[in-house]
């Protein structure tokens, strides 16, 4: 027999405040379910905002603008000198990501559901203990904790060094050359 929701602190506990966690919380709160989101990452925003879709697309867009500026003839424009400033491109990307992450934090903290900054560990099927000493129980859990970059499948790369999608997004200078393994938006 299922336990009553009255036996728990929350109807739904969502672990992770990224895009999926926020979407789940928005949906459950709109359905009038008592909801809590627990985010244990150093930054709020999730993979898509912080290290995936948004920063990589910001860089792809800068590359597209650079390409169009260097090849405007098809639009009837005569090209002039076009330069690329890696530091300024990365600064713009960082400002965009900060804005998106700050907005996500505001959404999570706007009062539709409780938002807790802590790392959680399951104590049993309906309870998590938090690293702030608190215990939270819920009838249902949604686990949306994101992902980490996988170790290289090529051990020889450990010897020569390589960039991951995460470390590439934090670079301070443009590499002299690069070989890309993968063909998606994040890799490119």
N, C-alpha and C. Protein backbone atom coordinates (compact mmCIF):
# COMPACT_ATOMS: atom_id res chain seq x y z
N UNK A 1 0.84 -1.18 0.00
CA UNK A 1 0.00 0.00 0.00
C UNK A 1 0.89 1.25 0.00
N UNK A 2 0.57 2.20 -0.86
CA UNK A 2 1.37 3.44 -0.96
C UNK A 2 1.13 4.31 0.27
N UNK A 3 2.20 4.97 0.67
CA UNK A 3 2.10 5.88 1.82
C UNK A 3 1.42 7.17 1.39
N UNK A 4 0.72 7.79 2.30
CA UNK A 4 0.05 9.06 2.05
C UNK A 4 1.08 10.18 1.95
N UNK A 5 0.79 11.16 1.09
CA UNK A 5 1.67 12.32 0.95
C UNK A 5 1.78 13.08 2.26
N UNK A 6 0.80 12.93 3.14
CA UNK A 6 0.83 13.62 4.44
C UNK A 6 1.97 13.12 5.32
N UNK A 7 2.54 11.98 5.02
CA UNK A 7 3.63 11.42 5.83
C UNK A 7 4.99 12.01 5.46
N UNK A 8 5.05 12.91 4.48
CA UNK A 8 6.32 13.43 3.98
C UNK A 8 6.36 14.95 4.06
N UNK A 9 7.56 15.49 4.05
CA UNK A 9 7.73 16.95 4.03
C UNK A 9 7.21 17.54 2.71
N UNK A 10 7.41 16.82 1.61
CA UNK A 10 7.06 17.32 0.28
C UNK A 10 6.40 16.21 -0.53
N UNK A 11 5.62 16.63 -1.51
CA UNK A 11 5.09 15.68 -2.49
C UNK A 11 6.21 15.25 -3.43
N UNK A 12 7.00 16.25 -3.88
CA UNK A 12 8.06 15.99 -4.85
C UNK A 12 9.34 16.69 -4.41
N UNK A 13 10.43 15.95 -4.44
CA UNK A 13 11.76 16.50 -4.19
C UNK A 13 12.56 16.33 -5.48
N UNK A 14 13.08 17.44 -5.99
CA UNK A 14 13.84 17.41 -7.24
C UNK A 14 15.30 17.66 -6.91
N UNK A 15 16.15 16.73 -7.30
CA UNK A 15 17.58 16.85 -7.06
C UNK A 15 18.22 17.39 -8.33
N UNK A 16 18.62 18.65 -8.29
CA UNK A 16 19.25 19.30 -9.44
C UNK A 16 18.41 20.47 -9.92
N UNK A 17 19.04 21.63 -10.02
CA UNK A 17 18.33 22.84 -10.41
C UNK A 17 18.67 23.34 -11.80
N UNK A 18 19.10 22.44 -12.67
CA UNK A 18 19.36 22.83 -14.05
C UNK A 18 18.07 22.90 -14.85
N UNK A 19 18.17 22.84 -16.16
CA UNK A 19 17.00 22.99 -17.03
C UNK A 19 15.94 21.93 -16.75
N UNK A 20 16.34 20.67 -16.63
CA UNK A 20 15.37 19.61 -16.39
C UNK A 20 14.76 19.72 -15.00
N UNK A 21 15.58 20.00 -13.99
CA UNK A 21 15.07 20.15 -12.64
C UNK A 21 14.11 21.31 -12.51
N UNK A 22 14.47 22.43 -13.12
CA UNK A 22 13.58 23.59 -13.07
C UNK A 22 12.27 23.30 -13.79
N UNK A 23 12.33 22.67 -14.95
CA UNK A 23 11.10 22.34 -15.69
C UNK A 23 10.21 21.41 -14.87
N UNK A 24 10.81 20.44 -14.21
CA UNK A 24 10.03 19.53 -13.35
C UNK A 24 9.40 20.29 -12.20
N UNK A 25 10.16 21.17 -11.56
CA UNK A 25 9.64 21.94 -10.42
C UNK A 25 8.52 22.88 -10.85
N UNK A 26 8.70 23.54 -11.97
CA UNK A 26 7.67 24.44 -12.48
C UNK A 26 6.37 23.67 -12.73
N UNK A 27 6.51 22.47 -13.29
CA UNK A 27 5.35 21.65 -13.61
C UNK A 27 4.66 21.12 -12.35
N UNK A 28 5.44 20.59 -11.42
CA UNK A 28 4.82 20.04 -10.21
C UNK A 28 4.21 21.14 -9.35
N UNK A 29 4.86 22.29 -9.27
CA UNK A 29 4.30 23.39 -8.49
C UNK A 29 3.00 23.89 -9.12
N UNK A 30 2.95 23.95 -10.45
CA UNK A 30 1.73 24.37 -11.13
C UNK A 30 0.59 23.38 -10.90
N UNK A 31 0.95 22.11 -10.65
CA UNK A 31 -0.06 21.08 -10.35
C UNK A 31 -0.41 21.07 -8.87
N UNK A 32 0.05 22.09 -8.14
CA UNK A 32 -0.25 22.26 -6.71
C UNK A 32 0.37 21.18 -5.83
N UNK A 33 1.48 20.61 -6.29
CA UNK A 33 2.21 19.65 -5.47
C UNK A 33 3.27 20.41 -4.68
N UNK A 34 3.39 20.11 -3.40
CA UNK A 34 4.40 20.75 -2.56
C UNK A 34 5.76 20.24 -3.03
N UNK A 35 6.60 21.17 -3.51
CA UNK A 35 7.83 20.82 -4.23
C UNK A 35 9.03 21.50 -3.60
N UNK A 36 10.15 20.78 -3.59
CA UNK A 36 11.44 21.34 -3.19
C UNK A 36 12.46 20.98 -4.26
N UNK A 37 13.35 21.92 -4.56
CA UNK A 37 14.48 21.67 -5.46
C UNK A 37 15.74 21.79 -4.61
N UNK A 38 16.60 20.79 -4.71
CA UNK A 38 17.87 20.80 -3.99
C UNK A 38 18.99 20.83 -5.02
N UNK A 39 19.82 21.86 -4.94
CA UNK A 39 20.94 22.02 -5.87
C UNK A 39 22.24 21.99 -5.09
N UNK A 40 23.12 21.03 -5.43
CA UNK A 40 24.38 20.89 -4.73
C UNK A 40 25.59 21.33 -5.51
N UNK A 41 25.41 21.80 -6.72
CA UNK A 41 26.55 22.23 -7.53
C UNK A 41 27.12 23.55 -7.04
N UNK A 42 28.37 23.80 -7.39
CA UNK A 42 29.00 25.07 -7.02
C UNK A 42 28.26 26.26 -7.62
N UNK A 43 27.78 26.08 -8.85
CA UNK A 43 27.05 27.13 -9.55
C UNK A 43 25.63 26.65 -9.81
N UNK A 44 24.72 27.60 -9.93
CA UNK A 44 23.33 27.28 -10.27
C UNK A 44 23.15 27.51 -11.76
N UNK A 45 22.47 26.61 -12.42
CA UNK A 45 22.17 26.81 -13.83
C UNK A 45 22.10 25.52 -14.61
N UNK A 46 22.90 24.53 -14.20
CA UNK A 46 22.87 23.26 -14.88
C UNK A 46 23.80 23.20 -16.08
N UNK A 47 23.91 22.01 -16.61
CA UNK A 47 24.83 21.73 -17.70
C UNK A 47 24.56 22.59 -18.93
N UNK A 48 23.33 22.69 -19.37
CA UNK A 48 23.02 23.42 -20.60
C UNK A 48 23.46 24.87 -20.50
N UNK A 49 23.16 25.51 -19.38
CA UNK A 49 23.51 26.93 -19.23
C UNK A 49 25.01 27.11 -18.99
N UNK A 50 25.58 26.31 -18.11
CA UNK A 50 26.94 26.56 -17.65
C UNK A 50 28.03 25.99 -18.55
N UNK A 51 27.82 24.78 -19.11
CA UNK A 51 28.92 24.10 -19.80
C UNK A 51 28.49 23.41 -21.09
N UNK A 52 27.30 23.64 -21.55
CA UNK A 52 26.84 22.90 -22.71
C UNK A 52 26.30 23.79 -23.80
N UNK A 53 25.01 23.69 -24.02
CA UNK A 53 24.35 24.34 -25.16
C UNK A 53 24.63 25.83 -25.26
N UNK A 54 24.40 26.54 -24.18
CA UNK A 54 24.45 28.00 -24.28
C UNK A 54 25.86 28.56 -24.49
N UNK A 55 26.86 28.16 -23.72
CA UNK A 55 28.19 28.72 -23.99
C UNK A 55 28.75 28.29 -25.34
N UNK A 56 28.51 27.05 -25.73
CA UNK A 56 29.04 26.61 -27.02
C UNK A 56 28.34 27.32 -28.17
N UNK A 57 27.05 27.54 -28.05
CA UNK A 57 26.34 28.25 -29.12
C UNK A 57 26.73 29.72 -29.17
N UNK A 58 27.05 30.31 -28.03
CA UNK A 58 27.55 31.70 -28.03
C UNK A 58 28.85 31.78 -28.82
N UNK A 59 29.72 30.78 -28.64
CA UNK A 59 30.99 30.76 -29.37
C UNK A 59 30.77 30.45 -30.85
N UNK A 60 29.85 29.54 -31.16
CA UNK A 60 29.54 29.25 -32.56
C UNK A 60 28.99 30.49 -33.26
N UNK A 61 28.17 31.26 -32.56
CA UNK A 61 27.62 32.47 -33.15
C UNK A 61 28.73 33.49 -33.43
N UNK A 62 29.66 33.63 -32.48
CA UNK A 62 30.79 34.54 -32.71
C UNK A 62 31.59 34.10 -33.93
N UNK A 63 31.78 32.78 -34.08
CA UNK A 63 32.51 32.27 -35.24
C UNK A 63 31.74 32.57 -36.54
N UNK A 64 30.42 32.45 -36.49
CA UNK A 64 29.61 32.74 -37.67
C UNK A 64 29.70 34.22 -38.04
N UNK A 65 29.61 35.09 -37.05
CA UNK A 65 29.73 36.53 -37.31
C UNK A 65 31.10 36.84 -37.91
N UNK A 66 32.15 36.24 -37.36
CA UNK A 66 33.50 36.44 -37.89
C UNK A 66 33.57 35.98 -39.34
N UNK A 67 33.02 34.81 -39.63
CA UNK A 67 33.03 34.29 -41.00
C UNK A 67 32.27 35.23 -41.94
N UNK A 68 31.09 35.67 -41.54
CA UNK A 68 30.30 36.56 -42.39
C UNK A 68 31.02 37.89 -42.63
N UNK A 69 31.68 38.40 -41.59
CA UNK A 69 32.41 39.66 -41.74
C UNK A 69 33.60 39.52 -42.69
N UNK A 70 34.19 38.33 -42.73
CA UNK A 70 35.33 38.11 -43.62
C UNK A 70 34.91 37.76 -45.04
N UNK A 71 33.66 37.34 -45.22
CA UNK A 71 33.17 36.92 -46.54
C UNK A 71 31.81 37.58 -46.85
N UNK A 72 31.76 38.91 -46.88
CA UNK A 72 30.47 39.58 -47.07
C UNK A 72 30.08 39.80 -48.53
N UNK A 73 30.93 39.36 -49.45
CA UNK A 73 30.70 39.66 -50.87
C UNK A 73 29.34 39.17 -51.35
N UNK A 74 28.88 38.02 -50.88
CA UNK A 74 27.60 37.50 -51.38
C UNK A 74 26.44 38.41 -50.99
N UNK A 75 26.67 39.30 -50.02
CA UNK A 75 25.65 40.26 -49.62
C UNK A 75 25.85 41.62 -50.29
N UNK A 76 26.84 41.69 -51.20
CA UNK A 76 27.12 42.94 -51.88
C UNK A 76 27.94 43.91 -51.05
N UNK A 77 28.66 43.40 -50.09
CA UNK A 77 29.47 44.24 -49.20
C UNK A 77 30.93 43.96 -49.48
N UNK A 78 31.71 45.02 -49.57
CA UNK A 78 33.15 44.86 -49.79
C UNK A 78 33.83 44.65 -48.43
N UNK A 79 34.65 43.61 -48.33
CA UNK A 79 35.29 43.32 -47.04
C UNK A 79 36.40 44.30 -46.71
N UNK A 80 36.57 44.52 -45.44
CA UNK A 80 37.70 45.28 -44.92
C UNK A 80 38.47 44.37 -43.97
N UNK A 81 39.35 44.97 -43.19
CA UNK A 81 40.12 44.17 -42.25
C UNK A 81 39.20 43.68 -41.12
N UNK A 82 39.20 42.39 -40.87
CA UNK A 82 38.40 41.80 -39.79
C UNK A 82 39.36 41.06 -38.88
N UNK A 83 39.32 41.41 -37.61
CA UNK A 83 40.21 40.75 -36.64
C UNK A 83 39.37 40.00 -35.63
N UNK A 84 40.00 39.03 -35.01
CA UNK A 84 39.35 38.18 -34.02
C UNK A 84 40.08 38.37 -32.70
N UNK A 85 39.34 38.73 -31.63
CA UNK A 85 39.93 38.92 -30.31
C UNK A 85 39.36 37.84 -29.38
N UNK A 86 40.16 36.80 -29.16
CA UNK A 86 39.73 35.65 -28.37
C UNK A 86 39.26 36.07 -26.98
N UNK A 87 39.99 36.96 -26.33
CA UNK A 87 39.65 37.39 -24.98
C UNK A 87 38.28 38.07 -24.95
N UNK A 88 37.99 38.90 -25.93
CA UNK A 88 36.70 39.59 -25.97
C UNK A 88 35.56 38.62 -26.28
N UNK A 89 35.82 37.65 -27.14
CA UNK A 89 34.79 36.65 -27.45
C UNK A 89 34.47 35.84 -26.19
N UNK A 90 35.49 35.42 -25.45
CA UNK A 90 35.27 34.64 -24.23
C UNK A 90 34.62 35.50 -23.14
N UNK A 91 34.97 36.77 -23.06
CA UNK A 91 34.35 37.66 -22.08
C UNK A 91 32.86 37.81 -22.37
N UNK A 92 32.51 37.98 -23.64
CA UNK A 92 31.09 38.08 -24.01
C UNK A 92 30.37 36.79 -23.65
N UNK A 93 30.97 35.65 -23.96
CA UNK A 93 30.36 34.35 -23.62
C UNK A 93 30.14 34.26 -22.12
N UNK A 94 31.14 34.64 -21.33
CA UNK A 94 31.02 34.55 -19.87
C UNK A 94 29.91 35.46 -19.34
N UNK A 95 29.78 36.66 -19.90
CA UNK A 95 28.72 37.57 -19.47
C UNK A 95 27.34 37.03 -19.82
N UNK A 96 27.20 36.46 -21.00
CA UNK A 96 25.93 35.85 -21.39
C UNK A 96 25.57 34.72 -20.44
N UNK A 97 26.52 33.85 -20.16
CA UNK A 97 26.27 32.70 -19.30
C UNK A 97 25.93 33.15 -17.88
N UNK A 98 26.63 34.16 -17.39
CA UNK A 98 26.32 34.69 -16.06
C UNK A 98 24.88 35.20 -16.02
N UNK A 99 24.47 35.89 -17.06
CA UNK A 99 23.09 36.39 -17.12
C UNK A 99 22.07 35.27 -17.12
N UNK A 100 22.31 34.24 -17.92
CA UNK A 100 21.40 33.09 -17.95
C UNK A 100 21.37 32.38 -16.59
N UNK A 101 22.54 32.17 -15.99
CA UNK A 101 22.62 31.48 -14.70
C UNK A 101 21.95 32.30 -13.61
N UNK A 102 22.17 33.61 -13.61
CA UNK A 102 21.52 34.46 -12.61
C UNK A 102 19.99 34.41 -12.76
N UNK A 103 19.53 34.42 -14.00
CA UNK A 103 18.08 34.33 -14.24
C UNK A 103 17.53 32.99 -13.76
N UNK A 104 18.25 31.90 -14.02
CA UNK A 104 17.80 30.59 -13.55
C UNK A 104 17.73 30.58 -12.02
N UNK A 105 18.74 31.18 -11.36
CA UNK A 105 18.73 31.25 -9.90
C UNK A 105 17.49 32.02 -9.42
N UNK A 106 17.17 33.13 -10.08
CA UNK A 106 15.97 33.89 -9.71
C UNK A 106 14.71 33.05 -9.88
N UNK A 107 14.63 32.30 -10.97
CA UNK A 107 13.47 31.44 -11.21
C UNK A 107 13.33 30.40 -10.10
N UNK A 108 14.45 29.81 -9.70
CA UNK A 108 14.41 28.77 -8.67
C UNK A 108 14.04 29.34 -7.30
N UNK A 109 14.37 30.59 -7.06
CA UNK A 109 14.15 31.20 -5.75
C UNK A 109 12.92 32.10 -5.71
N UNK A 110 12.04 32.03 -6.72
CA UNK A 110 10.93 33.00 -6.78
C UNK A 110 9.73 32.64 -5.90
N UNK A 111 9.81 31.53 -5.13
CA UNK A 111 8.77 31.22 -4.16
C UNK A 111 7.71 30.23 -4.61
N UNK A 112 7.73 29.79 -5.86
CA UNK A 112 6.73 28.80 -6.29
C UNK A 112 6.96 27.44 -5.63
N UNK A 113 8.19 27.20 -5.22
CA UNK A 113 8.60 25.97 -4.54
C UNK A 113 9.80 26.34 -3.68
N UNK A 114 10.15 25.44 -2.77
CA UNK A 114 11.33 25.72 -1.94
C UNK A 114 12.59 25.39 -2.73
N UNK A 115 13.61 26.19 -2.53
CA UNK A 115 14.90 25.98 -3.19
C UNK A 115 15.97 25.91 -2.11
N UNK A 116 16.69 24.81 -2.08
CA UNK A 116 17.73 24.59 -1.06
C UNK A 116 19.05 24.36 -1.76
N UNK A 117 20.08 25.10 -1.31
CA UNK A 117 21.44 24.90 -1.80
C UNK A 117 22.15 23.94 -0.86
N UNK A 118 22.30 22.69 -1.26
CA UNK A 118 22.98 21.68 -0.44
C UNK A 118 23.19 20.44 -1.29
N UNK A 119 24.12 19.62 -0.87
CA UNK A 119 24.32 18.31 -1.52
C UNK A 119 23.47 17.30 -0.78
N UNK A 120 22.85 16.40 -1.53
CA UNK A 120 21.91 15.43 -0.95
C UNK A 120 22.44 14.01 -1.14
N UNK A 121 22.09 13.16 -0.18
CA UNK A 121 22.42 11.74 -0.26
C UNK A 121 21.20 10.97 0.24
N UNK A 122 20.80 9.94 -0.51
CA UNK A 122 19.64 9.16 -0.10
C UNK A 122 19.93 8.40 1.19
N UNK A 123 19.00 8.52 2.13
CA UNK A 123 19.07 7.74 3.37
C UNK A 123 18.17 6.51 3.24
N UNK A 124 17.06 6.67 2.52
CA UNK A 124 16.16 5.56 2.18
C UNK A 124 15.35 6.00 0.96
N UNK A 125 14.35 5.22 0.59
CA UNK A 125 13.64 5.50 -0.65
C UNK A 125 12.80 6.79 -0.63
N UNK A 126 12.59 7.36 0.54
CA UNK A 126 11.79 8.59 0.64
C UNK A 126 12.51 9.72 1.38
N UNK A 127 13.80 9.56 1.68
CA UNK A 127 14.50 10.53 2.51
C UNK A 127 15.89 10.81 1.97
N UNK A 128 16.26 12.09 1.96
CA UNK A 128 17.64 12.47 1.68
C UNK A 128 18.17 13.26 2.87
N UNK A 129 19.44 13.06 3.14
CA UNK A 129 20.13 13.88 4.13
C UNK A 129 20.97 14.88 3.37
N UNK A 130 21.00 16.10 3.88
CA UNK A 130 21.71 17.18 3.21
C UNK A 130 22.99 17.49 3.96
N UNK A 131 23.97 18.01 3.24
CA UNK A 131 25.25 18.32 3.87
C UNK A 131 25.17 19.54 4.79
N UNK A 132 24.01 20.16 4.89
CA UNK A 132 23.81 21.26 5.84
C UNK A 132 23.18 20.76 7.14
N UNK A 133 23.04 19.43 7.27
CA UNK A 133 22.48 18.82 8.48
C UNK A 133 20.98 18.57 8.43
N UNK A 134 20.32 19.08 7.43
CA UNK A 134 18.87 18.92 7.31
C UNK A 134 18.53 17.57 6.68
N UNK A 135 17.35 17.05 6.99
CA UNK A 135 16.81 15.84 6.37
C UNK A 135 15.51 16.23 5.67
N UNK A 136 15.30 15.73 4.45
CA UNK A 136 14.12 16.04 3.66
C UNK A 136 13.47 14.73 3.23
N UNK A 137 12.15 14.65 3.41
CA UNK A 137 11.42 13.46 2.94
C UNK A 137 10.42 13.89 1.86
N UNK A 138 10.17 12.97 0.94
CA UNK A 138 9.22 13.25 -0.14
C UNK A 138 8.60 11.95 -0.62
N UNK A 139 7.38 12.07 -1.09
CA UNK A 139 6.70 10.89 -1.65
C UNK A 139 7.36 10.47 -2.97
N UNK A 140 7.79 11.47 -3.76
CA UNK A 140 8.39 11.20 -5.06
C UNK A 140 9.67 12.02 -5.22
N UNK A 141 10.62 11.47 -5.98
CA UNK A 141 11.88 12.16 -6.28
C UNK A 141 12.07 12.22 -7.78
N UNK A 142 12.63 13.33 -8.23
CA UNK A 142 13.08 13.48 -9.61
C UNK A 142 14.58 13.72 -9.53
N UNK A 143 15.34 12.88 -10.18
CA UNK A 143 16.80 13.02 -10.16
C UNK A 143 17.23 13.64 -11.48
N UNK A 144 17.72 14.86 -11.41
CA UNK A 144 18.15 15.58 -12.61
C UNK A 144 19.47 16.28 -12.29
N UNK A 145 20.45 15.45 -11.95
CA UNK A 145 21.72 15.97 -11.45
C UNK A 145 22.76 16.23 -12.53
N UNK A 146 22.38 16.14 -13.78
CA UNK A 146 23.32 16.50 -14.84
C UNK A 146 24.35 15.42 -15.11
N UNK A 147 25.50 15.85 -15.59
CA UNK A 147 26.53 14.90 -15.99
C UNK A 147 27.92 15.49 -15.76
N UNK A 148 28.90 14.64 -15.90
CA UNK A 148 30.30 15.04 -15.86
C UNK A 148 30.96 14.58 -17.15
N UNK A 149 32.04 15.24 -17.50
CA UNK A 149 32.80 14.82 -18.68
C UNK A 149 33.39 13.44 -18.41
N UNK A 150 33.21 12.54 -19.34
CA UNK A 150 33.75 11.18 -19.20
C UNK A 150 35.26 11.20 -19.39
N UNK A 151 35.95 10.28 -18.74
CA UNK A 151 37.40 10.19 -18.99
C UNK A 151 37.67 9.81 -20.45
N UNK A 152 38.84 10.16 -20.92
CA UNK A 152 39.19 9.87 -22.30
C UNK A 152 39.18 8.36 -22.55
N UNK A 153 38.59 7.94 -23.66
CA UNK A 153 38.65 6.52 -24.02
C UNK A 153 40.00 6.13 -24.62
N UNK A 154 40.86 7.12 -24.84
CA UNK A 154 42.18 6.89 -25.41
C UNK A 154 43.24 7.21 -24.35
N UNK A 155 43.72 6.22 -23.61
CA UNK A 155 44.67 6.49 -22.52
C UNK A 155 45.90 7.28 -22.95
N UNK A 156 46.31 7.18 -24.20
CA UNK A 156 47.49 7.92 -24.67
C UNK A 156 47.27 9.43 -24.57
N UNK A 157 46.01 9.88 -24.63
CA UNK A 157 45.73 11.31 -24.51
C UNK A 157 46.09 11.84 -23.13
N UNK A 158 46.01 10.98 -22.11
CA UNK A 158 46.39 11.42 -20.76
C UNK A 158 47.86 11.84 -20.73
N UNK A 159 48.69 11.20 -21.55
CA UNK A 159 50.12 11.51 -21.58
C UNK A 159 50.42 12.82 -22.31
N UNK A 160 49.64 13.13 -23.34
CA UNK A 160 49.93 14.33 -24.15
C UNK A 160 49.10 15.54 -23.73
N UNK A 161 48.05 15.30 -22.96
CA UNK A 161 47.16 16.38 -22.55
C UNK A 161 46.09 16.63 -23.59
N UNK A 162 44.94 17.01 -23.12
CA UNK A 162 43.83 17.28 -24.03
C UNK A 162 42.83 18.22 -23.35
N UNK A 163 42.00 18.81 -24.16
CA UNK A 163 40.92 19.66 -23.66
C UNK A 163 39.64 18.85 -23.64
N UNK A 164 38.82 19.08 -22.64
CA UNK A 164 37.46 18.56 -22.64
C UNK A 164 36.55 19.72 -23.02
N UNK A 165 35.28 19.43 -23.20
CA UNK A 165 34.35 20.53 -23.48
C UNK A 165 34.35 21.52 -22.32
N UNK A 166 34.50 21.06 -21.09
CA UNK A 166 34.54 21.96 -19.93
C UNK A 166 35.80 22.82 -19.93
N UNK A 167 36.96 22.21 -20.10
CA UNK A 167 38.20 22.99 -20.02
C UNK A 167 38.36 23.92 -21.23
N UNK A 168 37.85 23.53 -22.38
CA UNK A 168 37.92 24.40 -23.55
C UNK A 168 37.13 25.69 -23.32
N UNK A 169 36.00 25.58 -22.62
CA UNK A 169 35.18 26.76 -22.37
C UNK A 169 35.79 27.71 -21.35
N UNK A 170 36.81 27.26 -20.62
CA UNK A 170 37.47 28.10 -19.61
C UNK A 170 38.82 28.63 -20.08
N UNK A 171 39.20 28.36 -21.30
CA UNK A 171 40.51 28.80 -21.80
C UNK A 171 40.64 30.31 -21.78
N UNK A 172 41.85 30.75 -21.52
CA UNK A 172 42.17 32.19 -21.52
C UNK A 172 42.82 32.61 -22.83
N UNK A 173 43.33 31.63 -23.59
CA UNK A 173 43.95 31.95 -24.87
C UNK A 173 43.57 30.88 -25.89
N UNK A 174 43.62 31.29 -27.13
CA UNK A 174 43.26 30.39 -28.23
C UNK A 174 44.40 29.42 -28.47
N UNK A 175 44.10 28.12 -28.60
CA UNK A 175 45.18 27.18 -28.92
C UNK A 175 45.70 27.42 -30.33
N UNK A 176 46.97 27.09 -30.54
CA UNK A 176 47.58 27.29 -31.87
C UNK A 176 46.93 26.37 -32.91
N UNK A 177 46.61 25.15 -32.50
CA UNK A 177 45.93 24.21 -33.38
C UNK A 177 45.12 23.25 -32.49
N UNK A 178 44.19 22.55 -33.14
CA UNK A 178 43.33 21.66 -32.36
C UNK A 178 42.77 20.56 -33.27
N UNK A 179 42.63 19.39 -32.73
CA UNK A 179 41.93 18.29 -33.38
C UNK A 179 40.68 18.04 -32.55
N UNK A 180 39.52 18.00 -33.20
CA UNK A 180 38.26 17.82 -32.48
C UNK A 180 37.78 16.39 -32.68
N UNK A 181 37.52 15.70 -31.55
CA UNK A 181 36.91 14.37 -31.60
C UNK A 181 35.44 14.54 -31.26
N UNK A 182 34.59 14.39 -32.23
CA UNK A 182 33.16 14.62 -32.05
C UNK A 182 32.70 15.69 -33.01
N UNK A 183 31.44 15.65 -33.37
CA UNK A 183 30.96 16.60 -34.37
C UNK A 183 29.73 17.37 -33.96
N UNK A 184 29.35 17.30 -32.69
CA UNK A 184 28.18 18.03 -32.23
C UNK A 184 28.52 19.47 -31.90
N UNK A 185 27.48 20.22 -31.50
CA UNK A 185 27.67 21.64 -31.18
C UNK A 185 28.64 21.84 -30.03
N UNK A 186 28.61 20.97 -29.03
CA UNK A 186 29.49 21.13 -27.88
C UNK A 186 30.93 20.89 -28.31
N UNK A 187 31.18 19.84 -29.07
CA UNK A 187 32.56 19.55 -29.50
C UNK A 187 33.10 20.64 -30.40
N UNK A 188 32.30 21.07 -31.34
CA UNK A 188 32.78 22.07 -32.29
C UNK A 188 32.82 23.44 -31.69
